[in-house]
Amino acid sequence: MHLMTLALPQEPSDGIAGWAADLVDAMGGPGAGLAIALENLFPPLPSEVILPLTGFAAGQGVISLASALFWTTLGSVVGALVLYGIGMLVGRRRMHAIWAKLPLVKTSDLDRTGQWFERHGTKAVFIGRMVPIFRSLISIPAGVERMPLPVLGGVHTLLRIHRGQEPFLAAMAVGGRLDERRPP
């Protein structure tokens, strides 16, 4: 039986993955939190890249799992609260006009998110936090409709902790095992 040697993954050096890895390397947990806060504010930044990279960093000993979970949860809630505040201050019509001018986003996503929130309220925030793009946008109609802040913050916190564990733990396991597989 012939065994094949697999190339070990290297730290990303460019694109969003490289930027996120550099941020975590430079700032540790707060860098991961900043990346997730920015992901909330600019949906094309994918948490699906940021969270596993943060878990990988925890597996390599760059940061602790507790630090990764704490800072990314805090970043998620801060990002959601900023969007909530924007929705509250700007209102539906002006928000739509602003959104239409942003690159890489569609006004139809904002419209659908608002309609969904109007139909489902708190359930929309809970479920919307699990759907890419809606996960960030759902805080805007919550602000427009003035959803109670403790409810919004609580839902965001619980779901970030729940959603954040899987990519962290999987990537942490891979990051922790790389040293075991390196050739002598």
Protein backbone atom coordinates (compact mmCIF):
# COMPACT_ATOMS: atom_id res chain seq x y z
CA MET A 1 0.00 0.00 0.00
CA HIS A 2 1.40 3.35 -1.03
CA LEU A 3 0.84 6.23 1.42
CA MET A 4 0.51 9.67 0.01
CA THR A 5 1.96 12.67 1.86
CA LEU A 6 -0.54 15.48 2.20
CA ALA A 7 0.57 19.06 2.05
CA LEU A 8 -0.03 20.84 5.31
CA PRO A 9 -2.22 23.91 5.13
CA GLN A 10 -0.37 27.15 5.52
CA GLU A 11 -1.69 30.33 7.01
CA PRO A 12 -3.62 32.31 4.38
CA SER A 13 -1.65 35.25 3.06
CA ASP A 14 -4.11 37.16 0.90
CA GLY A 15 -7.78 37.97 0.48
CA ILE A 16 -10.31 37.97 3.29
CA ALA A 17 -8.78 34.88 4.87
CA GLY A 18 -5.32 36.48 4.95
CA TRP A 19 -6.70 39.71 6.34
CA ALA A 20 -8.60 37.86 9.10
CA ALA A 21 -5.58 35.69 9.96
CA ASP A 22 -3.35 38.79 10.15
CA LEU A 23 -5.89 40.52 12.40
CA VAL A 24 -6.01 37.56 14.81
CA ASP A 25 -2.21 37.23 14.75
CA ALA A 26 -1.73 40.93 15.47
CA MET A 27 -4.54 41.51 17.99
CA GLY A 28 -5.49 38.05 19.27
CA GLY A 29 -9.09 37.65 20.46
CA PRO A 30 -9.97 41.35 20.04
CA GLY A 31 -8.88 41.06 16.38
CA ALA A 32 -11.28 38.16 15.87
CA GLY A 33 -14.02 40.22 17.53
CA LEU A 34 -13.27 43.19 15.28
CA ALA A 35 -13.43 40.96 12.19
CA ILE A 36 -16.83 39.59 13.24
CA ALA A 37 -18.16 43.08 14.07
CA LEU A 38 -17.10 44.20 10.59
CA GLU A 39 -18.71 41.06 9.11
CA ASN A 40 -22.00 42.21 10.63
CA LEU A 41 -21.62 45.68 9.15
CA PHE A 42 -20.49 44.52 5.71
CA PRO A 43 -22.20 41.20 4.90
CA PRO A 44 -19.87 40.12 2.08
CA LEU A 45 -17.23 39.44 4.77
CA PRO A 46 -18.02 35.80 5.60
CA SER A 47 -18.03 34.60 9.18
CA GLU A 48 -17.69 31.15 7.61
CA VAL A 49 -14.05 32.14 6.91
CA ILE A 50 -13.38 34.19 10.04
CA LEU A 51 -14.68 31.71 12.65
CA PRO A 52 -12.73 28.66 11.45
CA LEU A 53 -9.55 30.75 11.17
CA THR A 54 -10.07 31.89 14.74
CA GLY A 55 -10.64 28.29 15.88
CA PHE A 56 -7.51 27.23 14.02
CA ALA A 57 -5.56 29.98 15.82
CA ALA A 58 -6.91 28.63 19.12
CA GLY A 59 -5.77 25.12 18.14
CA GLN A 60 -2.30 26.48 17.44
CA GLY A 61 -2.20 28.23 20.83
CA VAL A 62 -2.32 31.78 19.41
CA ILE A 63 -5.46 32.48 21.48
CA SER A 64 -7.59 30.43 23.86
CA LEU A 65 -10.96 28.96 22.93
CA ALA A 66 -12.58 31.03 25.69
CA SER A 67 -11.01 34.20 24.29
CA ALA A 68 -12.13 33.30 20.76
CA LEU A 69 -15.72 32.68 21.85
CA PHE A 70 -15.86 35.76 24.06
CA TRP A 71 -14.44 38.21 21.53
CA THR A 72 -16.32 36.91 18.50
CA THR A 73 -19.58 36.93 20.49
CA LEU A 74 -18.89 40.48 21.65
CA GLY A 75 -18.00 41.53 18.10
CA SER A 76 -21.21 39.99 16.77
CA VAL A 77 -23.37 41.76 19.34
CA VAL A 78 -21.59 45.11 18.83
CA GLY A 79 -22.03 44.82 15.05
CA ALA A 80 -25.71 43.97 15.49
CA LEU A 81 -26.22 46.92 17.85
CA VAL A 82 -24.56 49.31 15.38
CA LEU A 83 -26.92 48.12 12.63
CA TYR A 84 -29.85 48.37 15.03
CA GLY A 85 -28.86 51.96 15.83
CA ILE A 86 -28.51 52.80 12.15
CA GLY A 87 -31.96 51.38 11.47
CA MET A 88 -33.41 53.30 14.40
CA LEU A 89 -31.79 56.63 13.47
CA VAL A 90 -32.02 56.49 9.69
CA GLY A 91 -35.40 54.86 9.15
CA ARG A 92 -36.63 52.61 6.38
CA ARG A 93 -36.65 54.98 3.37
CA ARG A 94 -33.28 56.59 3.97
CA MET A 95 -31.73 53.20 4.79
CA HIS A 96 -32.93 51.88 1.45
CA ALA A 97 -31.40 54.87 -0.38
CA ILE A 98 -28.06 54.36 1.42
CA TRP A 99 -28.11 50.59 0.80
CA ALA A 100 -28.69 51.12 -2.93
CA LYS A 101 -25.33 52.95 -3.13
CA LEU A 102 -23.25 50.26 -1.37
CA PRO A 103 -21.16 47.85 -3.45
CA LEU A 104 -21.67 44.06 -3.35
CA VAL A 105 -25.10 44.19 -1.68
CA LYS A 106 -28.61 44.14 -3.11
CA THR A 107 -31.51 46.34 -2.05
CA SER A 108 -33.76 43.30 -2.58
CA ASP A 109 -31.97 41.59 0.35
CA LEU A 110 -32.78 44.55 2.60
CA ASP A 111 -36.41 44.58 1.38
CA ARG A 112 -36.89 40.84 1.99
CA THR A 113 -35.31 41.09 5.43
CA GLY A 114 -37.61 43.96 6.40
CA GLN A 115 -40.69 42.13 5.16
CA TRP A 116 -39.69 39.00 7.01
CA PHE A 117 -39.16 40.96 10.23
CA GLU A 118 -42.58 42.61 9.88
CA ARG A 119 -44.24 39.18 9.58
CA HIS A 120 -42.30 37.34 12.29
CA GLY A 121 -40.79 39.85 14.75
CA THR A 122 -38.50 38.23 17.35
CA LYS A 123 -38.68 34.87 15.56
CA ALA A 124 -37.27 36.63 12.47
CA VAL A 125 -34.22 37.74 14.44
CA PHE A 126 -33.73 34.26 15.90
CA ILE A 127 -34.06 32.44 12.58
CA GLY A 128 -32.49 35.22 10.51
CA ARG A 129 -29.28 35.01 12.55
CA MET A 130 -28.75 31.54 11.07
CA VAL A 131 -29.06 32.63 7.42
CA PRO A 132 -26.15 34.29 5.58
CA ILE A 133 -26.81 37.92 4.56
CA PHE A 134 -30.03 38.03 6.66
CA ARG A 135 -27.90 37.37 9.74
CA SER A 136 -26.52 40.90 9.53
CA LEU A 137 -29.42 42.70 7.92
CA ILE A 138 -32.06 41.55 10.40
CA SER A 139 -30.79 44.10 12.95
CA ILE A 140 -31.77 47.01 10.67
CA PRO A 141 -35.55 46.40 10.68
CA ALA A 142 -35.25 45.52 14.37
CA GLY A 143 -33.93 49.06 14.86
CA VAL A 144 -36.53 50.61 12.57
CA GLU A 145 -39.28 48.85 14.56
CA ARG A 146 -37.51 49.55 17.88
CA MET A 147 -37.32 45.95 19.06
CA PRO A 148 -36.34 45.90 22.77
CA LEU A 149 -32.53 45.95 23.01
CA PRO A 150 -32.28 43.23 25.68
CA VAL A 151 -34.19 40.85 23.39
CA LEU A 152 -32.02 41.67 20.38
CA GLY A 153 -28.79 41.42 22.39
CA GLY A 154 -29.86 38.18 24.05
CA VAL A 155 -30.80 36.49 20.79
CA HIS A 156 -27.55 37.57 19.13
CA THR A 157 -25.45 36.43 22.08
CA LEU A 158 -27.07 33.00 22.39
CA LEU A 159 -26.93 32.28 18.68
CA ARG A 160 -23.33 33.45 18.27
CA ILE A 161 -22.23 31.20 21.13
CA HIS A 162 -24.19 28.29 19.65
CA ARG A 163 -23.18 28.90 16.01
CA GLY A 164 -19.61 29.76 16.91
CA GLN A 165 -18.78 26.52 18.68
CA GLU A 166 -18.86 24.16 15.70
CA PRO A 167 -16.37 25.96 13.42
CA PHE A 168 -14.14 26.83 16.38
CA LEU A 169 -13.97 23.30 17.72
CA ALA A 170 -13.49 21.66 14.32
CA ALA A 171 -10.76 24.08 13.27
CA MET A 172 -9.19 23.97 16.73
CA ALA A 173 -8.93 20.18 16.49
CA VAL A 174 -7.25 20.46 13.09
CA GLY A 175 -4.92 23.21 14.29
CA GLY A 176 -3.94 21.21 17.37
CA ARG A 177 -3.17 18.09 15.36
CA LEU A 178 -0.94 19.62 12.72
CA ASP A 179 2.16 19.25 14.85
CA GLU A 180 1.44 15.53 15.28
CA ARG A 181 1.42 14.97 11.50
CA ARG A 182 4.52 16.90 10.55
CA PRO A 183 7.30 14.73 9.19
CA PRO A 184 10.38 14.48 11.41
